[in-house]
Amino acid sequence: MQSTRPVFLDLWRIRLPATGYASILHRISGILMVLAIPVGAILLDRAVSGPAGFAASDAFLHHWLVRLALLALAWSILHHLFAGIRHLLLDLRIGLDRAPSRLGAWIVMVAAVVVLGLILIWRIAQ
């Protein structure tokens, strides 16, 4: 049976609503956190192995590229937390209509960046 539905496969031209972006970012943030678990476990194992292992872990964590990855991990934790709260509210039938749903998606995406920025400002000020 042939479908008469139009097929539009140019992914760079598809315009998603804010809820679509929030959903995709929720999945990406979850993947980033899962991928960070073995790296964190290896670093912890190395750090508790002795003074040399601790120094090696400390040196690794102070590399600029690793700090950038930690910044991305902090964003992923915040975004996943806020998006999870949004999903819990949706399960309670709060914000299911189109306008509140889009507003909630924007709040999730902006809140993760704003809270991360506040944490960075607080950290730099110390």
PDB file of N, CA and C in Angstrom:
ATOM      1  N   MET A   1       0.844  -1.166   0.000  1.00  0.00           N
ATOM      2  CA  MET A   1       0.000   0.000   0.000  1.00  0.00           C
ATOM      3  C   MET A   1       0.898   1.241   0.000  1.00  0.00           C
ATOM      4  N   GLN A   2       0.686   2.126  -0.931  1.00  0.00           N
ATOM      5  CA  GLN A   2       1.490   3.332  -1.059  1.00  0.00           C
ATOM      6  C   GLN A   2       0.860   4.460  -0.251  1.00  0.00           C
ATOM      7  N   SER A   3       1.689   5.119   0.508  1.00  0.00           N
ATOM      8  CA  SER A   3       1.222   6.225   1.338  1.00  0.00           C
ATOM      9  C   SER A   3       1.244   7.513   0.531  1.00  0.00           C
ATOM     10  N   THR A   4       0.264   8.373   0.790  1.00  0.00           N
ATOM     11  CA  THR A   4       0.225   9.668   0.115  1.00  0.00           C
ATOM     12  C   THR A   4       0.783  10.773   0.998  1.00  0.00           C
ATOM     13  N   ARG A   5       1.320  10.390   2.148  1.00  0.00           N
ATOM     14  CA  ARG A   5       1.918  11.378   3.043  1.00  0.00           C
ATOM     15  C   ARG A   5       3.167  11.962   2.403  1.00  0.00           C
ATOM     16  N   PRO A   6       3.368  13.247   2.541  1.00  0.00           N
ATOM     17  CA  PRO A   6       4.597  13.830   2.002  1.00  0.00           C
ATOM     18  C   PRO A   6       5.808  13.401   2.831  1.00  0.00           C
ATOM     19  N   VAL A   7       6.916  13.210   2.167  1.00  0.00           N
ATOM     20  CA  VAL A   7       8.150  12.823   2.823  1.00  0.00           C
ATOM     21  C   VAL A   7       9.095  14.017   2.767  1.00  0.00           C
ATOM     22  N   PHE A   8       9.521  14.461   3.928  1.00  0.00           N
ATOM     23  CA  PHE A   8      10.417  15.610   4.016  1.00  0.00           C
ATOM     24  C   PHE A   8      11.603  15.195   4.859  1.00  0.00           C
ATOM     25  N   LEU A   9      12.725  14.898   4.226  1.00  0.00           N
ATOM     26  CA  LEU A   9      13.861  14.341   4.941  1.00  0.00           C
ATOM     27  C   LEU A   9      15.045  15.302   5.071  1.00  0.00           C
ATOM     28  N   ASP A  10      14.868  16.572   4.745  1.00  0.00           N
ATOM     29  CA  ASP A  10      15.948  17.529   4.935  1.00  0.00           C
ATOM     30  C   ASP A  10      15.933  17.982   6.392  1.00  0.00           C
ATOM     31  N   LEU A  11      16.720  17.278   7.225  1.00  0.00           N
ATOM     32  CA  LEU A  11      16.675  17.495   8.667  1.00  0.00           C
ATOM     33  C   LEU A  11      17.118  18.896   9.072  1.00  0.00           C
ATOM     34  N   TRP A  12      17.918  19.569   8.260  1.00  0.00           N
ATOM     35  CA  TRP A  12      18.390  20.905   8.609  1.00  0.00           C
ATOM     36  C   TRP A  12      17.334  21.972   8.368  1.00  0.00           C
ATOM     37  N   ARG A  13      16.270  21.633   7.643  1.00  0.00           N
ATOM     38  CA  ARG A  13      15.223  22.620   7.369  1.00  0.00           C
ATOM     39  C   ARG A  13      13.945  22.367   8.158  1.00  0.00           C
ATOM     40  N   ILE A  14      13.905  21.289   8.928  1.00  0.00           N
ATOM     41  CA  ILE A  14      12.730  21.003   9.746  1.00  0.00           C
ATOM     42  C   ILE A  14      12.720  21.967  10.920  1.00  0.00           C
ATOM     43  N   ARG A  15      11.594  22.619  11.152  1.00  0.00           N
ATOM     44  CA  ARG A  15      11.446  23.586  12.246  1.00  0.00           C
ATOM     45  C   ARG A  15      10.696  22.919  13.395  1.00  0.00           C
ATOM     46  N   LEU A  16      11.431  22.594  14.452  1.00  0.00           N
ATOM     47  CA  LEU A  16      10.814  21.981  15.626  1.00  0.00           C
ATOM     48  C   LEU A  16      10.301  23.063  16.567  1.00  0.00           C
ATOM     49  N   PRO A  17       9.234  22.783  17.300  1.00  0.00           N
ATOM     50  CA  PRO A  17       8.838  23.713  18.363  1.00  0.00           C
ATOM     51  C   PRO A  17       9.794  23.572  19.544  1.00  0.00           C
ATOM     52  N   ALA A  18       9.681  24.491  20.500  1.00  0.00           N
ATOM     53  CA  ALA A  18      10.559  24.471  21.675  1.00  0.00           C
ATOM     54  C   ALA A  18      10.461  23.140  22.426  1.00  0.00           C
ATOM     55  N   THR A  19       9.278  22.549  22.430  1.00  0.00           N
ATOM     56  CA  THR A  19       9.113  21.269  23.130  1.00  0.00           C
ATOM     57  C   THR A  19       9.960  20.171  22.480  1.00  0.00           C
ATOM     58  N   GLY A  20      10.103  20.235  21.166  1.00  0.00           N
ATOM     59  CA  GLY A  20      10.933  19.259  20.463  1.00  0.00           C
ATOM     60  C   GLY A  20      12.400  19.404  20.827  1.00  0.00           C
ATOM     61  N   TYR A  21      12.867  20.655  20.865  1.00  0.00           N
ATOM     62  CA  TYR A  21      14.260  20.885  21.255  1.00  0.00           C
ATOM     63  C   TYR A  21      14.508  20.485  22.707  1.00  0.00           C
ATOM     64  N   ALA A  22      13.573  20.805  23.587  1.00  0.00           N
ATOM     65  CA  ALA A  22      13.732  20.427  24.997  1.00  0.00           C
ATOM     66  C   ALA A  22      13.783  18.906  25.143  1.00  0.00           C
ATOM     67  N   SER A  23      12.973  18.215  24.368  1.00  0.00           N
ATOM     68  CA  SER A  23      12.951  16.760  24.423  1.00  0.00           C
ATOM     69  C   SER A  23      14.258  16.161  23.913  1.00  0.00           C
ATOM     70  N   ILE A  24      14.753  16.680  22.804  1.00  0.00           N
ATOM     71  CA  ILE A  24      16.014  16.175  22.251  1.00  0.00           C
ATOM     72  C   ILE A  24      17.161  16.463  23.212  1.00  0.00           C
ATOM     73  N   LEU A  25      17.192  17.670  23.774  1.00  0.00           N
ATOM     74  CA  LEU A  25      18.252  18.012  24.728  1.00  0.00           C
ATOM     75  C   LEU A  25      18.162  17.168  25.996  1.00  0.00           C
ATOM     76  N   HIS A  26      16.946  16.783  26.380  1.00  0.00           N
ATOM     77  CA  HIS A  26      16.768  15.911  27.546  1.00  0.00           C
ATOM     78  C   HIS A  26      17.432  14.561  27.291  1.00  0.00           C
ATOM     79  N   ARG A  27      17.255  14.041  26.101  1.00  0.00           N
ATOM     80  CA  ARG A  27      17.879  12.761  25.758  1.00  0.00           C
ATOM     81  C   ARG A  27      19.396  12.890  25.670  1.00  0.00           C
ATOM     82  N   ILE A  28      19.879  13.970  25.052  1.00  0.00           N
ATOM     83  CA  ILE A  28      21.325  14.188  24.938  1.00  0.00           C
ATOM     84  C   ILE A  28      21.947  14.339  26.320  1.00  0.00           C
ATOM     85  N   SER A  29      21.290  15.074  27.203  1.00  0.00           N
ATOM     86  CA  SER A  29      21.840  15.254  28.553  1.00  0.00           C
ATOM     87  C   SER A  29      21.897  13.925  29.302  1.00  0.00           C
ATOM     88  N   GLY A  30      20.907  13.083  29.105  1.00  0.00           N
ATOM     89  CA  GLY A  30      20.934  11.760  29.737  1.00  0.00           C
ATOM     90  C   GLY A  30      22.079  10.908  29.219  1.00  0.00           C
ATOM     91  N   ILE A  31      22.323  10.973  27.911  1.00  0.00           N
ATOM     92  CA  ILE A  31      23.433  10.211  27.327  1.00  0.00           C
ATOM     93  C   ILE A  31      24.763  10.715  27.861  1.00  0.00           C
ATOM     94  N   LEU A  32      24.931  12.037  27.957  1.00  0.00           N
ATOM     95  CA  LEU A  32      26.185  12.598  28.480  1.00  0.00           C
ATOM     96  C   LEU A  32      26.438  12.130  29.910  1.00  0.00           C
ATOM     97  N   MET A  33      25.395  12.106  30.717  1.00  0.00           N
ATOM     98  CA  MET A  33      25.574  11.680  32.103  1.00  0.00           C
ATOM     99  C   MET A  33      25.940  10.200  32.192  1.00  0.00           C
ATOM    100  N   VAL A  34      25.324   9.378  31.362  1.00  0.00           N
ATOM    101  CA  VAL A  34      25.639   7.943  31.376  1.00  0.00           C
ATOM    102  C   VAL A  34      27.075   7.710  30.919  1.00  0.00           C
ATOM    103  N   LEU A  35      27.499   8.450  29.896  1.00  0.00           N
ATOM    104  CA  LEU A  35      28.869   8.286  29.408  1.00  0.00           C
ATOM    105  C   LEU A  35      29.900   8.782  30.421  1.00  0.00           C
ATOM    106  N   ALA A  36      29.512   9.699  31.297  1.00  0.00           N
ATOM    107  CA  ALA A  36      30.440  10.230  32.301  1.00  0.00           C
ATOM    108  C   ALA A  36      30.647   9.264  33.466  1.00  0.00           C
ATOM    109  N   ILE A  37      29.751   8.314  33.653  1.00  0.00           N
ATOM    110  CA  ILE A  37      29.859   7.400  34.796  1.00  0.00           C
ATOM    111  C   ILE A  37      31.158   6.585  34.774  1.00  0.00           C
ATOM    112  N   PRO A  38      31.507   5.908  33.665  1.00  0.00           N
ATOM    113  CA  PRO A  38      32.757   5.136  33.705  1.00  0.00           C
ATOM    114  C   PRO A  38      34.000   6.016  33.848  1.00  0.00           C
ATOM    115  N   VAL A  39      33.981   7.198  33.245  1.00  0.00           N
ATOM    116  CA  VAL A  39      35.115   8.109  33.374  1.00  0.00           C
ATOM    117  C   VAL A  39      35.269   8.533  34.835  1.00  0.00           C
ATOM    118  N   GLY A  40      34.160   8.870  35.478  1.00  0.00           N
ATOM    119  CA  GLY A  40      34.205   9.240  36.892  1.00  0.00           C
ATOM    120  C   GLY A  40      34.665   8.091  37.768  1.00  0.00           C
ATOM    121  N   ALA A  41      34.231   6.877  37.449  1.00  0.00           N
ATOM    122  CA  ALA A  41      34.646   5.713  38.237  1.00  0.00           C
ATOM    123  C   ALA A  41      36.143   5.458  38.097  1.00  0.00           C
ATOM    124  N   ILE A  42      36.646   5.592  36.883  1.00  0.00           N
ATOM    125  CA  ILE A  42      38.083   5.389  36.664  1.00  0.00           C
ATOM    126  C   ILE A  42      38.890   6.459  37.395  1.00  0.00           C
ATOM    127  N   LEU A  43      38.432   7.714  37.313  1.00  0.00           N
ATOM    128  CA  LEU A  43      39.129   8.796  38.015  1.00  0.00           C
ATOM    129  C   LEU A  43      39.104   8.590  39.527  1.00  0.00           C
ATOM    130  N   LEU A  44      37.971   8.167  40.052  1.00  0.00           N
ATOM    131  CA  LEU A  44      37.870   7.915  41.487  1.00  0.00           C
ATOM    132  C   LEU A  44      38.801   6.777  41.902  1.00  0.00           C
ATOM    133  N   ASP A  45      38.822   5.707  41.109  1.00  0.00           N
ATOM    134  CA  ASP A  45      39.704   4.577  41.416  1.00  0.00           C
ATOM    135  C   ASP A  45      41.158   5.010  41.405  1.00  0.00           C
ATOM    136  N   ARG A  46      41.508   5.814  40.412  1.00  0.00           N
ATOM    137  CA  ARG A  46      42.889   6.296  40.323  1.00  0.00           C
ATOM    138  C   ARG A  46      43.216   7.234  41.493  1.00  0.00           C
ATOM    139  N   ALA A  47      42.273   8.092  41.852  1.00  0.00           N
ATOM    140  CA  ALA A  47      42.525   9.076  42.906  1.00  0.00           C
ATOM    141  C   ALA A  47      42.716   8.431  44.268  1.00  0.00           C
ATOM    142  N   VAL A  48      42.017   7.339  44.557  1.00  0.00           N
ATOM    143  CA  VAL A  48      42.141   6.692  45.871  1.00  0.00           C
ATOM    144  C   VAL A  48      43.241   5.642  45.897  1.00  0.00           C
ATOM    145  N   SER A  49      43.922   5.443  44.772  1.00  0.00           N
ATOM    146  CA  SER A  49      44.976   4.424  44.740  1.00  0.00           C
ATOM    147  C   SER A  49      46.247   4.866  45.454  1.00  0.00           C
ATOM    148  N   GLY A  50      46.412   6.162  45.631  1.00  0.00           N
ATOM    149  CA  GLY A  50      47.607   6.655  46.315  1.00  0.00           C
ATOM    150  C   GLY A  50      47.911   8.085  45.900  1.00  0.00           C
ATOM    151  N   PRO A  51      48.958   8.642  46.472  1.00  0.00           N
ATOM    152  CA  PRO A  51      49.295  10.038  46.160  1.00  0.00           C
ATOM    153  C   PRO A  51      49.603  10.284  44.679  1.00  0.00           C
ATOM    154  N   ALA A  52      50.263   9.341  44.048  1.00  0.00           N
ATOM    155  CA  ALA A  52      50.586   9.516  42.626  1.00  0.00           C
ATOM    156  C   ALA A  52      49.314   9.472  41.770  1.00  0.00           C
ATOM    157  N   GLY A  53      48.421   8.575  42.102  1.00  0.00           N
ATOM    158  CA  GLY A  53      47.159   8.489  41.377  1.00  0.00           C
ATOM    159  C   GLY A  53      46.297   9.721  41.585  1.00  0.00           C
ATOM    160  N   PHE A  54      46.323  10.235  42.809  1.00  0.00           N
ATOM    161  CA  PHE A  54      45.572  11.461  43.097  1.00  0.00           C
ATOM    162  C   PHE A  54      46.131  12.630  42.296  1.00  0.00           C
ATOM    163  N   ALA A  55      47.445  12.736  42.246  1.00  0.00           N
ATOM    164  CA  ALA A  55      48.080  13.819  41.490  1.00  0.00           C
ATOM    165  C   ALA A  55      47.761  13.691  40.001  1.00  0.00           C
ATOM    166  N   ALA A  56      47.748  12.472  39.487  1.00  0.00           N
ATOM    167  CA  ALA A  56      47.428  12.269  38.071  1.00  0.00           C
ATOM    168  C   ALA A  56      45.975  12.637  37.785  1.00  0.00           C
ATOM    169  N   SER A  57      45.068  12.247  38.672  1.00  0.00           N
ATOM    170  CA  SER A  57      43.655  12.605  38.496  1.00  0.00           C
ATOM    171  C   SER A  57      43.464  14.105  38.588  1.00  0.00           C
ATOM    172  N   ASP A  58      44.163  14.736  39.519  1.00  0.00           N
ATOM    173  CA  ASP A  58      44.074  16.178  39.683  1.00  0.00           C
ATOM    174  C   ASP A  58      44.594  16.901  38.438  1.00  0.00           C
ATOM    175  N   ALA A  59      45.703  16.435  37.920  1.00  0.00           N
ATOM    176  CA  ALA A  59      46.255  17.039  36.704  1.00  0.00           C
ATOM    177  C   ALA A  59      45.301  16.857  35.522  1.00  0.00           C
ATOM    178  N   PHE A  60      44.700  15.694  35.424  1.00  0.00           N
ATOM    179  CA  PHE A  60      43.736  15.438  34.341  1.00  0.00           C
ATOM    180  C   PHE A  60      42.547  16.372  34.446  1.00  0.00           C
ATOM    181  N   LEU A  61      42.027  16.550  35.662  1.00  0.00           N
ATOM    182  CA  LEU A  61      40.845  17.389  35.847  1.00  0.00           C
ATOM    183  C   LEU A  61      41.137  18.876  35.657  1.00  0.00           C
ATOM    184  N   HIS A  62      42.394  19.279  35.690  1.00  0.00           N
ATOM    185  CA  HIS A  62      42.726  20.689  35.509  1.00  0.00           C
ATOM    186  C   HIS A  62      43.060  21.045  34.057  1.00  0.00           C
ATOM    187  N   HIS A  63      43.006  20.073  33.175  1.00  0.00           N
ATOM    188  CA  HIS A  63      43.225  20.356  31.754  1.00  0.00           C
ATOM    189  C   HIS A  63      42.030  21.152  31.222  1.00  0.00           C
ATOM    190  N   TRP A  64      42.273  22.119  30.333  1.00  0.00           N
ATOM    191  CA  TRP A  64      41.201  23.005  29.863  1.00  0.00           C
ATOM    192  C   TRP A  64      40.117  22.246  29.098  1.00  0.00           C
ATOM    193  N   LEU A  65      40.502  21.213  28.372  1.00  0.00           N
ATOM    194  CA  LEU A  65      39.507  20.447  27.614  1.00  0.00           C
ATOM    195  C   LEU A  65      38.604  19.641  28.552  1.00  0.00           C
ATOM    196  N   VAL A  66      39.191  19.109  29.615  1.00  0.00           N
ATOM    197  CA  VAL A  66      38.409  18.368  30.604  1.00  0.00           C
ATOM    198  C   VAL A  66      37.484  19.325  31.350  1.00  0.00           C
ATOM    199  N   ARG A  67      37.959  20.522  31.642  1.00  0.00           N
ATOM    200  CA  ARG A  67      37.094  21.517  32.303  1.00  0.00           C
ATOM    201  C   ARG A  67      35.910  21.888  31.415  1.00  0.00           C
ATOM    202  N   LEU A  68      36.149  21.962  30.121  1.00  0.00           N
ATOM    203  CA  LEU A  68      35.055  22.220  29.185  1.00  0.00           C
ATOM    204  C   LEU A  68      34.060  21.060  29.200  1.00  0.00           C
ATOM    205  N   ALA A  69      34.574  19.839  29.254  1.00  0.00           N
ATOM    206  CA  ALA A  69      33.697  18.667  29.336  1.00  0.00           C
ATOM    207  C   ALA A  69      32.918  18.662  30.654  1.00  0.00           C
ATOM    208  N   LEU A  70      33.550  19.084  31.738  1.00  0.00           N
ATOM    209  CA  LEU A  70      32.853  19.166  33.019  1.00  0.00           C
ATOM    210  C   LEU A  70      31.763  20.237  32.991  1.00  0.00           C
ATOM    211  N   LEU A  71      32.014  21.308  32.265  1.00  0.00           N
ATOM    212  CA  LEU A  71      30.998  22.341  32.088  1.00  0.00           C
ATOM    213  C   LEU A  71      29.797  21.776  31.325  1.00  0.00           C
ATOM    214  N   ALA A  72      30.076  21.005  30.282  1.00  0.00           N
ATOM    215  CA  ALA A  72      28.993  20.359  29.531  1.00  0.00           C
ATOM    216  C   ALA A  72      28.249  19.356  30.411  1.00  0.00           C
ATOM    217  N   LEU A  73      28.982  18.655  31.260  1.00  0.00           N
ATOM    218  CA  LEU A  73      28.338  17.702  32.171  1.00  0.00           C
ATOM    219  C   LEU A  73      27.470  18.427  33.189  1.00  0.00           C
ATOM    220  N   ALA A  74      27.934  19.559  33.693  1.00  0.00           N
ATOM    221  CA  ALA A  74      27.123  20.338  34.636  1.00  0.00           C
ATOM    222  C   ALA A  74      25.853  20.832  33.961  1.00  0.00           C
ATOM    223  N   TRP A  75      25.977  21.287  32.699  1.00  0.00           N
ATOM    224  CA  TRP A  75      24.776  21.692  31.963  1.00  0.00           C
ATOM    225  C   TRP A  75      23.826  20.508  31.816  1.00  0.00           C
ATOM    226  N   SER A  76      24.372  19.335  31.480  1.00  0.00           N
ATOM    227  CA  SER A  76      23.505  18.177  31.246  1.00  0.00           C
ATOM    228  C   SER A  76      22.760  17.776  32.517  1.00  0.00           C
ATOM    229  N   ILE A  77      23.414  17.875  33.660  1.00  0.00           N
ATOM    230  CA  ILE A  77      22.751  17.543  34.926  1.00  0.00           C
ATOM    231  C   ILE A  77      21.614  18.528  35.194  1.00  0.00           C
ATOM    232  N   LEU A  78      21.901  19.821  35.012  1.00  0.00           N
ATOM    233  CA  LEU A  78      20.867  20.838  35.254  1.00  0.00           C
ATOM    234  C   LEU A  78      19.703  20.702  34.279  1.00  0.00           C
ATOM    235  N   HIS A  79      20.016  20.532  32.999  1.00  0.00           N
ATOM    236  CA  HIS A  79      18.940  20.418  32.015  1.00  0.00           C
ATOM    237  C   HIS A  79      18.094  19.167  32.286  1.00  0.00           C
ATOM    238  N   HIS A  80      18.764  18.069  32.586  1.00  0.00           N
ATOM    239  CA  HIS A  80      18.033  16.829  32.831  1.00  0.00           C
ATOM    240  C   HIS A  80      17.152  16.951  34.073  1.00  0.00           C
ATOM    241  N   LEU A  81      17.650  17.635  35.090  1.00  0.00           N
ATOM    242  CA  LEU A  81      16.857  17.853  36.296  1.00  0.00           C
ATOM    243  C   LEU A  81      15.612  18.680  35.985  1.00  0.00           C
ATOM    244  N   PHE A  82      15.798  19.824  35.321  1.00  0.00           N
ATOM    245  CA  PHE A  82      14.658  20.693  35.035  1.00  0.00           C
ATOM    246  C   PHE A  82      13.679  20.041  34.057  1.00  0.00           C
ATOM    247  N   ALA A  83      14.195  19.335  33.061  1.00  0.00           N
ATOM    248  CA  ALA A  83      13.304  18.657  32.120  1.00  0.00           C
ATOM    249  C   ALA A  83      12.563  17.509  32.808  1.00  0.00           C
ATOM    250  N   GLY A  84      13.225  16.845  33.737  1.00  0.00           N
ATOM    251  CA  GLY A  84      12.546  15.785  34.486  1.00  0.00           C
ATOM    252  C   GLY A  84      11.420  16.336  35.351  1.00  0.00           C
ATOM    253  N   ILE A  85      11.658  17.489  35.973  1.00  0.00           N
ATOM    254  CA  ILE A  85      10.590  18.135  36.751  1.00  0.00           C
ATOM    255  C   ILE A  85       9.442  18.518  35.834  1.00  0.00           C
ATOM    256  N   ARG A  86       9.763  19.025  34.646  1.00  0.00           N
ATOM    257  CA  ARG A  86       8.718  19.381  33.670  1.00  0.00           C
ATOM    258  C   ARG A  86       7.906  18.146  33.285  1.00  0.00           C
ATOM    259  N   HIS A  87       8.591  17.027  33.063  1.00  0.00           N
ATOM    260  CA  HIS A  87       7.875  15.796  32.709  1.00  0.00           C
ATOM    261  C   HIS A  87       6.994  15.309  33.853  1.00  0.00           C
ATOM    262  N   LEU A  88       7.461  15.458  35.085  1.00  0.00           N
ATOM    263  CA  LEU A  88       6.624  15.086  36.225  1.00  0.00           C
ATOM    264  C   LEU A  88       5.368  15.955  36.289  1.00  0.00           C
ATOM    265  N   LEU A  89       5.534  17.249  36.015  1.00  0.00           N
ATOM    266  CA  LEU A  89       4.364  18.137  35.989  1.00  0.00           C
ATOM    267  C   LEU A  89       3.415  17.753  34.866  1.00  0.00           C
ATOM    268  N   LEU A  90       3.968  17.369  33.730  1.00  0.00           N
ATOM    269  CA  LEU A  90       3.105  16.920  32.622  1.00  0.00           C
ATOM    270  C   LEU A  90       2.354  15.644  33.002  1.00  0.00           C
ATOM    271  N   ASP A  91       3.010  14.758  33.752  1.00  0.00           N
ATOM    272  CA  ASP A  91       2.335  13.545  34.223  1.00  0.00           C
ATOM    273  C   ASP A  91       1.187  13.873  35.166  1.00  0.00           C
ATOM    274  N   LEU A  92       1.317  14.993  35.875  1.00  0.00           N
ATOM    275  CA  LEU A  92       0.245  15.444  36.763  1.00  0.00           C
ATOM    276  C   LEU A  92      -0.789  16.294  36.024  1.00  0.00           C
ATOM    277  N   ARG A  93      -0.664  16.331  34.713  1.00  0.00           N
ATOM    278  CA  ARG A  93      -1.562  17.087  33.827  1.00  0.00           C
ATOM    279  C   ARG A  93      -1.468  18.592  34.049  1.00  0.00           C
ATOM    280  N   ILE A  94      -0.281  19.045  34.403  1.00  0.00           N
ATOM    281  CA  ILE A  94      -0.024  20.474  34.538  1.00  0.00           C
ATOM    282  C   ILE A  94       0.796  20.910  33.331  1.00  0.00           C
ATOM    283  N   GLY A  95       0.279  21.857  32.568  1.00  0.00           N
ATOM    284  CA  GLY A  95       0.989  22.373  31.407  1.00  0.00           C
ATOM    285  C   GLY A  95       0.872  21.530  30.161  1.00  0.00           C
ATOM    286  N   LEU A  96      -0.250  20.852  29.982  1.00  0.00           N
ATOM    287  CA  LEU A  96      -0.416  20.001  28.808  1.00  0.00           C
ATOM    288  C   LEU A  96      -0.853  20.767  27.553  1.00  0.00           C
ATOM    289  N   ASP A  97      -1.480  21.905  27.727  1.00  0.00           N
ATOM    290  CA  ASP A  97      -1.922  22.672  26.563  1.00  0.00           C
ATOM    291  C   ASP A  97      -0.705  23.220  25.816  1.00  0.00           C
ATOM    292  N   ARG A  98      -0.940  23.650  24.584  1.00  0.00           N
ATOM    293  CA  ARG A  98       0.166  24.046  23.714  1.00  0.00           C
ATOM    294  C   ARG A  98       0.980  25.210  24.287  1.00  0.00           C
ATOM    295  N   ALA A  99       0.347  26.290  24.659  1.00  0.00           N
ATOM    296  CA  ALA A  99       1.088  27.474  25.139  1.00  0.00           C
ATOM    297  C   ALA A  99       1.856  27.197  26.434  1.00  0.00           C
ATOM    298  N   PRO A 100       1.223  26.620  27.465  1.00  0.00           N
ATOM    299  CA  PRO A 100       2.000  26.321  28.682  1.00  0.00           C
ATOM    300  C   PRO A 100       3.109  25.291  28.449  1.00  0.00           C
ATOM    301  N   SER A 101       2.873  24.370  27.539  1.00  0.00           N
ATOM    302  CA  SER A 101       3.885  23.367  27.246  1.00  0.00           C
ATOM    303  C   SER A 101       5.112  24.000  26.608  1.00  0.00           C
ATOM    304  N   ARG A 102       4.878  24.888  25.658  1.00  0.00           N
ATOM    305  CA  ARG A 102       6.008  25.580  25.021  1.00  0.00           C
ATOM    306  C   ARG A 102       6.720  26.493  26.009  1.00  0.00           C
ATOM    307  N   LEU A 103       5.954  27.174  26.859  1.00  0.00           N
ATOM    308  CA  LEU A 103       6.566  28.031  27.877  1.00  0.00           C
ATOM    309  C   LEU A 103       7.421  27.197  28.826  1.00  0.00           C
ATOM    310  N   GLY A 104       6.911  26.049  29.232  1.00  0.00           N
ATOM    311  CA  GLY A 104       7.668  25.164  30.117  1.00  0.00           C
ATOM    312  C   GLY A 104       8.956  24.677  29.469  1.00  0.00           C
ATOM    313  N   ALA A 105       8.895  24.394  28.172  1.00  0.00           N
ATOM    314  CA  ALA A 105      10.102  23.958  27.463  1.00  0.00           C
ATOM    315  C   ALA A 105      11.136  25.072  27.422  1.00  0.00           C
ATOM    316  N   TRP A 106      10.686  26.295  27.149  1.00  0.00           N
ATOM    317  CA  TRP A 106      11.609  27.434  27.150  1.00  0.00           C
ATOM    318  C   TRP A 106      12.192  27.666  28.540  1.00  0.00           C
ATOM    319  N   ILE A 107      11.362  27.537  29.559  1.00  0.00           N
ATOM    320  CA  ILE A 107      11.850  27.731  30.933  1.00  0.00           C
ATOM    321  C   ILE A 107      12.937  26.707  31.253  1.00  0.00           C
ATOM    322  N   VAL A 108      12.726  25.462  30.847  1.00  0.00           N
ATOM    323  CA  VAL A 108      13.714  24.408  31.100  1.00  0.00           C
ATOM    324  C   VAL A 108      15.035  24.741  30.410  1.00  0.00           C
ATOM    325  N   MET A 109      14.973  25.113  29.138  1.00  0.00           N
ATOM    326  CA  MET A 109      16.204  25.363  28.384  1.00  0.00           C
ATOM    327  C   MET A 109      16.945  26.589  28.907  1.00  0.00           C
ATOM    328  N   VAL A 110      16.202  27.634  29.251  1.00  0.00           N
ATOM    329  CA  VAL A 110      16.841  28.863  29.735  1.00  0.00           C
ATOM    330  C   VAL A 110      17.330  28.677  31.173  1.00  0.00           C
ATOM    331  N   ALA A 111      16.552  28.002  32.002  1.00  0.00           N
ATOM    332  CA  ALA A 111      16.917  27.841  33.409  1.00  0.00           C
ATOM    333  C   ALA A 111      18.222  27.068  33.563  1.00  0.00           C
ATOM    334  N   ALA A 112      18.433  26.054  32.754  1.00  0.00           N
ATOM    335  CA  ALA A 112      19.673  25.280  32.861  1.00  0.00           C
ATOM    336  C   ALA A 112      20.880  26.160  32.572  1.00  0.00           C
ATOM    337  N   VAL A 113      20.783  27.009  31.556  1.00  0.00           N
ATOM    338  CA  VAL A 113      21.904  27.887  31.203  1.00  0.00           C
ATOM    339  C   VAL A 113      22.088  28.980  32.258  1.00  0.00           C
ATOM    340  N   VAL A 114      20.985  29.549  32.740  1.00  0.00           N
ATOM    341  CA  VAL A 114      21.074  30.625  33.738  1.00  0.00           C
ATOM    342  C   VAL A 114      21.660  30.098  35.043  1.00  0.00           C
ATOM    343  N   VAL A 115      21.193  28.966  35.505  1.00  0.00           N
ATOM    344  CA  VAL A 115      21.717  28.405  36.764  1.00  0.00           C
ATOM    345  C   VAL A 115      23.187  28.033  36.592  1.00  0.00           C
ATOM    346  N   LEU A 116      23.556  27.486  35.441  1.00  0.00           N
ATOM    347  CA  LEU A 116      24.960  27.174  35.188  1.00  0.00           C
ATOM    348  C   LEU A 116      25.796  28.455  35.204  1.00  0.00           C
ATOM    349  N   GLY A 117      25.290  29.510  34.595  1.00  0.00           N
ATOM    350  CA  GLY A 117      25.995  30.792  34.626  1.00  0.00           C
ATOM    351  C   GLY A 117      26.141  31.334  36.037  1.00  0.00           C
ATOM    352  N   LEU A 118      25.093  31.222  36.844  1.00  0.00           N
ATOM    353  CA  LEU A 118      25.172  31.681  38.234  1.00  0.00           C
ATOM    354  C   LEU A 118      26.191  30.877  39.032  1.00  0.00           C
ATOM    355  N   ILE A 119      26.236  29.579  38.793  1.00  0.00           N
ATOM    356  CA  ILE A 119      27.218  28.736  39.474  1.00  0.00           C
ATOM    357  C   ILE A 119      28.633  29.144  39.063  1.00  0.00           C
ATOM    358  N   LEU A 120      28.830  29.411  37.781  1.00  0.00           N
ATOM    359  CA  LEU A 120      30.156  29.828  37.318  1.00  0.00           C
ATOM    360  C   LEU A 120      30.559  31.169  37.917  1.00  0.00           C
ATOM    361  N   ILE A 121      29.621  32.115  37.952  1.00  0.00           N
ATOM    362  CA  ILE A 121      29.914  33.420  38.546  1.00  0.00           C
ATOM    363  C   ILE A 121      30.261  33.266  40.015  1.00  0.00           C
ATOM    364  N   TRP A 122      29.506  32.442  40.737  1.00  0.00           N
ATOM    365  CA  TRP A 122      29.773  32.202  42.148  1.00  0.00           C
ATOM    366  C   TRP A 122      31.149  31.550  42.328  1.00  0.00           C
ATOM    367  N   ARG A 123      31.469  30.605  41.452  1.00  0.00           N
ATOM    368  CA  ARG A 123      32.746  29.892  41.543  1.00  0.00           C
ATOM    369  C   ARG A 123      33.914  30.819  41.243  1.00  0.00           C
ATOM    370  N   ILE A 124      33.767  31.683  40.253  1.00  0.00           N
ATOM    371  CA  ILE A 124      34.838  32.615  39.896  1.00  0.00           C
ATOM    372  C   ILE A 124      35.022  33.656  40.996  1.00  0.00           C
ATOM    373  N   ALA A 125      33.934  34.054  41.639  1.00  0.00           N
ATOM    374  CA  ALA A 125      34.011  35.093  42.680  1.00  0.00           C
ATOM    375  C   ALA A 125      34.712  34.599  43.943  1.00  0.00           C
ATOM    376  N   GLN A 126      34.833  33.306  44.117  1.00  0.00           N
ATOM    377  CA  GLN A 126      35.468  32.781  45.329  1.00  0.00           C
ATOM    378  C   GLN A 126      36.967  32.856  45.257  1.00  0.00           C
TER     379      GLN A 126
END
